[in-house]
Amino acid sequence: MRSLKCLLFVIFCSLQMTSSANLANEVANSECCGEFSNVKVPVKLVTSYYWTSSICPIRAIVLQTIAGRKFCIDPETPWVKSHIETVDKRTTTTESNATKTSAKE
């Protein structure tokens, strides 16, 4: 009976260590925002965007510019939705043009 308890304890400890390691990897691989930027980034400079990870204390949209700068923006900011729509349209247009070009070849 004692060996069964020891075995269960070892299994439990190894499961805890594995789940802790996965969470640590997720935190290390994600970028979180410390605070929101007050800068209204011109849409013509925005090349892409992404949401911060759900494990971040502040949920934000990160806008990346042509120069590679990143701005953490509050998703509730009024102009953000139109910026995202514009970037999505650009991306969709670029992808469809690339498909048409490769189909011609």
N, C-alpha and C. Protein backbone atom coordinates (compact mmCIF):
# COMPACT_ATOMS: atom_id res chain seq x y z
N MET A 1 0.82 -1.20 0.00
CA MET A 1 0.00 0.00 0.00
C MET A 1 0.86 1.26 0.00
N ARG A 2 1.95 1.21 0.73
CA ARG A 2 2.84 2.37 0.81
C ARG A 2 3.48 2.66 -0.55
N SER A 3 3.86 1.60 -1.27
CA SER A 3 4.48 1.81 -2.58
C SER A 3 3.47 2.40 -3.59
N LEU A 4 2.22 2.04 -3.45
CA LEU A 4 1.18 2.61 -4.31
C LEU A 4 1.03 4.11 -4.05
N LYS A 5 1.05 4.49 -2.78
CA LYS A 5 0.97 5.91 -2.44
C LYS A 5 2.17 6.66 -2.99
N CYS A 6 3.34 6.08 -2.87
CA CYS A 6 4.56 6.72 -3.39
C CYS A 6 4.48 6.88 -4.91
N LEU A 7 4.01 5.84 -5.58
CA LEU A 7 3.87 5.90 -7.03
C LEU A 7 2.89 6.99 -7.45
N LEU A 8 1.75 7.08 -6.78
CA LEU A 8 0.76 8.11 -7.09
C LEU A 8 1.32 9.51 -6.82
N PHE A 9 2.09 9.63 -5.75
CA PHE A 9 2.71 10.92 -5.43
C PHE A 9 3.70 11.34 -6.52
N VAL A 10 4.50 10.39 -7.00
CA VAL A 10 5.47 10.69 -8.06
C VAL A 10 4.76 11.10 -9.35
N ILE A 11 3.70 10.39 -9.69
CA ILE A 11 2.93 10.72 -10.90
C ILE A 11 2.32 12.11 -10.77
N PHE A 12 1.74 12.40 -9.61
CA PHE A 12 1.14 13.71 -9.38
C PHE A 12 2.19 14.82 -9.51
N CYS A 13 3.34 14.64 -8.92
CA CYS A 13 4.41 15.64 -8.97
C CYS A 13 4.89 15.86 -10.41
N SER A 14 5.03 14.78 -11.18
CA SER A 14 5.50 14.94 -12.55
C SER A 14 4.45 15.64 -13.41
N LEU A 15 3.17 15.40 -13.16
CA LEU A 15 2.12 16.11 -13.89
C LEU A 15 2.14 17.61 -13.55
N GLN A 16 2.35 17.93 -12.30
CA GLN A 16 2.42 19.33 -11.89
C GLN A 16 3.60 20.02 -12.55
N MET A 17 4.73 19.36 -12.61
CA MET A 17 5.93 19.95 -13.20
C MET A 17 5.73 20.16 -14.70
N THR A 18 5.07 19.21 -15.36
CA THR A 18 4.82 19.33 -16.80
C THR A 18 3.89 20.49 -17.10
N SER A 19 2.81 20.62 -16.35
CA SER A 19 1.86 21.72 -16.60
C SER A 19 2.50 23.06 -16.27
N SER A 20 3.33 23.12 -15.26
CA SER A 20 4.04 24.37 -14.92
C SER A 20 5.02 24.74 -16.02
N ALA A 21 5.70 23.74 -16.59
CA ALA A 21 6.65 24.00 -17.67
C ALA A 21 5.93 24.51 -18.90
N ASN A 22 4.75 23.96 -19.22
CA ASN A 22 3.98 24.43 -20.38
C ASN A 22 3.54 25.87 -20.20
N LEU A 23 3.10 26.22 -19.01
CA LEU A 23 2.68 27.59 -18.75
C LEU A 23 3.87 28.53 -18.84
N ALA A 24 5.03 28.11 -18.32
CA ALA A 24 6.24 28.94 -18.40
C ALA A 24 6.65 29.16 -19.85
N ASN A 25 6.54 28.13 -20.69
CA ASN A 25 6.86 28.27 -22.12
C ASN A 25 5.91 29.23 -22.80
N GLU A 26 4.62 29.14 -22.45
CA GLU A 26 3.63 30.02 -23.07
C GLU A 26 3.91 31.48 -22.68
N VAL A 27 4.25 31.71 -21.42
CA VAL A 27 4.56 33.07 -20.97
C VAL A 27 5.82 33.58 -21.66
N ALA A 28 6.82 32.74 -21.78
CA ALA A 28 8.08 33.16 -22.40
C ALA A 28 7.91 33.46 -23.89
N ASN A 29 7.00 32.75 -24.56
CA ASN A 29 6.82 32.92 -26.00
C ASN A 29 5.81 34.02 -26.36
N SER A 30 5.18 34.62 -25.38
CA SER A 30 4.19 35.64 -25.68
C SER A 30 4.72 37.02 -25.32
N GLU A 31 4.22 37.99 -26.05
CA GLU A 31 4.55 39.37 -25.76
C GLU A 31 3.34 40.01 -25.11
N CYS A 32 3.56 40.62 -23.97
CA CYS A 32 2.49 41.30 -23.26
C CYS A 32 2.77 42.80 -23.26
N CYS A 33 1.72 43.56 -23.12
CA CYS A 33 1.84 45.02 -23.07
C CYS A 33 1.78 45.48 -21.61
N GLY A 34 2.66 46.40 -21.28
CA GLY A 34 2.65 46.96 -19.94
C GLY A 34 1.59 48.04 -19.79
N GLU A 35 1.39 48.78 -20.87
CA GLU A 35 0.38 49.84 -20.88
C GLU A 35 -0.01 50.14 -22.31
N PHE A 36 -1.11 50.87 -22.46
CA PHE A 36 -1.58 51.24 -23.79
C PHE A 36 -0.86 52.48 -24.29
N SER A 37 -0.65 52.54 -25.59
CA SER A 37 -0.08 53.72 -26.22
C SER A 37 -1.21 54.71 -26.51
N ASN A 38 -0.92 55.99 -26.38
CA ASN A 38 -1.90 57.02 -26.70
C ASN A 38 -1.74 57.55 -28.12
N VAL A 39 -0.79 57.00 -28.86
CA VAL A 39 -0.50 57.46 -30.21
C VAL A 39 -1.53 56.88 -31.18
N LYS A 40 -2.11 57.75 -32.02
CA LYS A 40 -2.98 57.26 -33.09
C LYS A 40 -2.08 57.02 -34.30
N VAL A 41 -1.79 55.75 -34.53
CA VAL A 41 -0.88 55.36 -35.60
C VAL A 41 -1.60 55.54 -36.94
N PRO A 42 -1.00 56.26 -37.88
CA PRO A 42 -1.63 56.41 -39.20
C PRO A 42 -1.79 55.04 -39.88
N VAL A 43 -2.97 54.78 -40.41
CA VAL A 43 -3.26 53.47 -40.99
C VAL A 43 -2.32 53.14 -42.15
N LYS A 44 -1.84 54.14 -42.87
CA LYS A 44 -0.93 53.87 -43.98
C LYS A 44 0.41 53.30 -43.52
N LEU A 45 0.73 53.48 -42.23
CA LEU A 45 1.98 52.94 -41.70
C LEU A 45 1.84 51.54 -41.09
N VAL A 46 0.61 51.10 -40.88
CA VAL A 46 0.36 49.81 -40.23
C VAL A 46 0.46 48.68 -41.25
N THR A 47 1.35 47.72 -40.96
CA THR A 47 1.51 46.58 -41.86
C THR A 47 0.79 45.33 -41.36
N SER A 48 0.68 45.21 -40.03
CA SER A 48 0.03 44.04 -39.45
C SER A 48 -0.41 44.34 -38.02
N TYR A 49 -1.16 43.41 -37.47
CA TYR A 49 -1.61 43.54 -36.08
C TYR A 49 -1.80 42.15 -35.50
N TYR A 50 -1.84 42.07 -34.19
CA TYR A 50 -2.17 40.82 -33.51
C TYR A 50 -2.66 41.14 -32.11
N TRP A 51 -3.38 40.19 -31.54
CA TRP A 51 -3.85 40.31 -30.16
C TRP A 51 -2.77 39.77 -29.23
N THR A 52 -2.64 40.35 -28.05
CA THR A 52 -1.74 39.79 -27.06
C THR A 52 -2.36 38.49 -26.54
N SER A 53 -1.54 37.67 -25.93
CA SER A 53 -1.98 36.39 -25.41
C SER A 53 -3.03 36.56 -24.31
N SER A 54 -3.88 35.57 -24.17
CA SER A 54 -4.91 35.61 -23.13
C SER A 54 -4.31 35.52 -21.73
N ILE A 55 -3.06 35.12 -21.62
CA ILE A 55 -2.43 35.04 -20.29
C ILE A 55 -1.82 36.37 -19.86
N CYS A 56 -1.82 37.35 -20.75
CA CYS A 56 -1.28 38.67 -20.41
C CYS A 56 -2.25 39.40 -19.49
N PRO A 57 -1.73 40.21 -18.58
CA PRO A 57 -2.61 40.95 -17.68
C PRO A 57 -3.45 42.01 -18.39
N ILE A 58 -2.93 42.56 -19.49
CA ILE A 58 -3.67 43.54 -20.27
C ILE A 58 -3.90 42.95 -21.66
N ARG A 59 -5.17 42.84 -22.04
CA ARG A 59 -5.52 42.35 -23.38
C ARG A 59 -5.45 43.54 -24.32
N ALA A 60 -4.61 43.45 -25.34
CA ALA A 60 -4.40 44.59 -26.24
C ALA A 60 -4.26 44.11 -27.68
N ILE A 61 -4.39 45.06 -28.58
CA ILE A 61 -4.06 44.82 -29.99
C ILE A 61 -2.73 45.51 -30.24
N VAL A 62 -1.81 44.78 -30.84
CA VAL A 62 -0.50 45.34 -31.14
C VAL A 62 -0.45 45.64 -32.63
N LEU A 63 -0.24 46.92 -32.95
CA LEU A 63 -0.11 47.34 -34.34
C LEU A 63 1.37 47.43 -34.68
N GLN A 64 1.76 46.81 -35.79
CA GLN A 64 3.15 46.87 -36.23
C GLN A 64 3.23 47.75 -37.47
N THR A 65 4.25 48.63 -37.48
CA THR A 65 4.39 49.58 -38.58
C THR A 65 5.42 49.12 -39.60
N ILE A 66 5.50 49.87 -40.69
CA ILE A 66 6.48 49.59 -41.74
C ILE A 66 7.89 49.59 -41.17
N ALA A 67 8.15 50.49 -40.22
CA ALA A 67 9.47 50.60 -39.61
C ALA A 67 9.73 49.51 -38.56
N GLY A 68 8.73 48.67 -38.30
CA GLY A 68 8.91 47.58 -37.34
C GLY A 68 8.55 47.96 -35.91
N ARG A 69 8.08 49.17 -35.69
CA ARG A 69 7.68 49.58 -34.35
C ARG A 69 6.35 48.93 -33.99
N LYS A 70 6.17 48.66 -32.70
CA LYS A 70 4.94 48.03 -32.22
C LYS A 70 4.28 48.95 -31.21
N PHE A 71 2.96 49.10 -31.36
CA PHE A 71 2.18 49.95 -30.47
C PHE A 71 1.07 49.12 -29.84
N CYS A 72 1.01 49.12 -28.52
CA CYS A 72 -0.05 48.43 -27.79
C CYS A 72 -1.25 49.37 -27.70
N ILE A 73 -2.36 48.94 -28.27
CA ILE A 73 -3.55 49.78 -28.35
C ILE A 73 -4.71 49.10 -27.63
N ASP A 74 -5.47 49.90 -26.91
CA ASP A 74 -6.68 49.42 -26.25
C ASP A 74 -7.69 49.02 -27.34
N PRO A 75 -8.19 47.79 -27.31
CA PRO A 75 -9.14 47.34 -28.34
C PRO A 75 -10.44 48.17 -28.37
N GLU A 76 -10.74 48.88 -27.29
CA GLU A 76 -11.95 49.70 -27.23
C GLU A 76 -11.76 51.09 -27.85
N THR A 77 -10.54 51.41 -28.28
CA THR A 77 -10.28 52.69 -28.91
C THR A 77 -11.08 52.78 -30.21
N PRO A 78 -11.81 53.89 -30.43
CA PRO A 78 -12.72 53.98 -31.58
C PRO A 78 -12.09 53.73 -32.95
N TRP A 79 -10.89 54.20 -33.21
CA TRP A 79 -10.31 54.09 -34.54
C TRP A 79 -9.66 52.73 -34.83
N VAL A 80 -9.52 51.90 -33.83
CA VAL A 80 -8.82 50.61 -34.01
C VAL A 80 -9.55 49.70 -34.98
N LYS A 81 -10.87 49.62 -34.88
CA LYS A 81 -11.64 48.71 -35.75
C LYS A 81 -11.45 49.05 -37.23
N SER A 82 -11.46 50.33 -37.55
CA SER A 82 -11.29 50.71 -38.96
C SER A 82 -9.87 50.39 -39.44
N HIS A 83 -8.88 50.56 -38.57
CA HIS A 83 -7.49 50.20 -38.93
C HIS A 83 -7.38 48.70 -39.22
N ILE A 84 -8.00 47.90 -38.36
CA ILE A 84 -7.96 46.44 -38.54
C ILE A 84 -8.64 46.05 -39.85
N GLU A 85 -9.79 46.64 -40.13
CA GLU A 85 -10.51 46.33 -41.37
C GLU A 85 -9.66 46.70 -42.59
N THR A 86 -8.99 47.84 -42.53
CA THR A 86 -8.15 48.28 -43.64
C THR A 86 -6.98 47.32 -43.85
N VAL A 87 -6.33 46.92 -42.76
CA VAL A 87 -5.19 45.99 -42.87
C VAL A 87 -5.68 44.64 -43.38
N ASP A 88 -6.84 44.18 -42.90
CA ASP A 88 -7.40 42.91 -43.39
C ASP A 88 -7.70 42.97 -44.89
N LYS A 89 -8.25 44.09 -45.36
CA LYS A 89 -8.55 44.24 -46.79
C LYS A 89 -7.26 44.21 -47.61
N ARG A 90 -6.24 44.90 -47.11
CA ARG A 90 -4.94 44.88 -47.80
C ARG A 90 -4.39 43.47 -47.89
N THR A 91 -4.47 42.75 -46.80
CA THR A 91 -3.95 41.38 -46.74
C THR A 91 -4.72 40.48 -47.69
N THR A 92 -6.04 40.59 -47.70
CA THR A 92 -6.88 39.78 -48.57
C THR A 92 -6.59 40.09 -50.03
N THR A 93 -6.45 41.36 -50.36
CA THR A 93 -6.16 41.78 -51.73
C THR A 93 -4.79 41.24 -52.17
N THR A 94 -3.81 41.35 -51.31
CA THR A 94 -2.46 40.87 -51.63
C THR A 94 -2.47 39.36 -51.85
N GLU A 95 -3.18 38.62 -51.00
CA GLU A 95 -3.24 37.17 -51.13
C GLU A 95 -3.95 36.76 -52.41
N SER A 96 -5.05 37.45 -52.75
CA SER A 96 -5.77 37.07 -53.97
C SER A 96 -4.96 37.41 -55.21
N ASN A 97 -4.20 38.51 -55.19
CA ASN A 97 -3.33 38.86 -56.32
C ASN A 97 -2.22 37.83 -56.47
N ALA A 98 -1.69 37.36 -55.37
CA ALA A 98 -0.62 36.35 -55.43
C ALA A 98 -1.16 35.04 -56.00
N THR A 99 -2.39 34.69 -55.65
CA THR A 99 -3.01 33.48 -56.17
C THR A 99 -3.23 33.60 -57.67
N LYS A 100 -3.72 34.76 -58.12
CA LYS A 100 -3.96 34.97 -59.55
C LYS A 100 -2.67 34.90 -60.34
N THR A 101 -1.60 35.47 -59.79
CA THR A 101 -0.30 35.47 -60.47
C THR A 101 0.23 34.05 -60.60
N SER A 102 0.15 33.26 -59.53
CA SER A 102 0.67 31.90 -59.59
C SER A 102 -0.20 31.01 -60.48
N ALA A 103 -1.48 31.31 -60.64
CA ALA A 103 -2.37 30.53 -61.50
C ALA A 103 -2.04 30.75 -62.98
N LYS A 104 -1.56 31.96 -63.31
CA LYS A 104 -1.21 32.28 -64.69
C LYS A 104 0.04 31.55 -65.15
N GLU A 105 0.91 31.23 -64.23
CA GLU A 105 2.19 30.62 -64.60
C GLU A 105 2.07 29.18 -64.97
